[in-house]
Amino acid sequence: MRPPAMQGIHHVALICSDYKRSKRFYSETLGLPILAEHYRAARQSWKLDLQLPDGSQLELFSFVGAPPRPSRPEAQGLRHLAFAVTDLDAWLAYLQQQGVTTEPVRVDEYTGKRFTFFQDPDGLPLELYQV
């Protein structure tokens, strides 16, 4: 018996160390529209839902005392979050204007597609992958 069909990724959840800084980075620097924002008093935690162009979402959470990522880049868990872009060079220029440092552009040895990595305010590796 085969499993039922999946429709895709609904959301990716991230825990940030500085909620306001991460909210500004993802909503203003990366330009993701805010869908909803909630403060959960019982947990002293913010939850921010951001819309990705394909309909999936990015959730940002703040939790008091959340431990930092143990090591990088090969720690277990989420390795990186990749965003599909059509114009990598335009994104590189834009991120540079925003003061965001990117790694040198690489080429995927299997697909021939160009990509680069950069970090969010908490050091989470983010990738821009030209499609």
Foldseek 3Di string as FASTA:
>chain_A
DDDDDDDDAQEAEDEDADVVQLCCCVCPLVPWDWDDWDQDVVQRKIWTWTADPVGHIYIYMYGPPDDAQPDDQPDPDDNAAEDEDADVVVSVVSCVVVVWDKDDWDADPVPRWIKIWTAGPRRGIYMYTHD
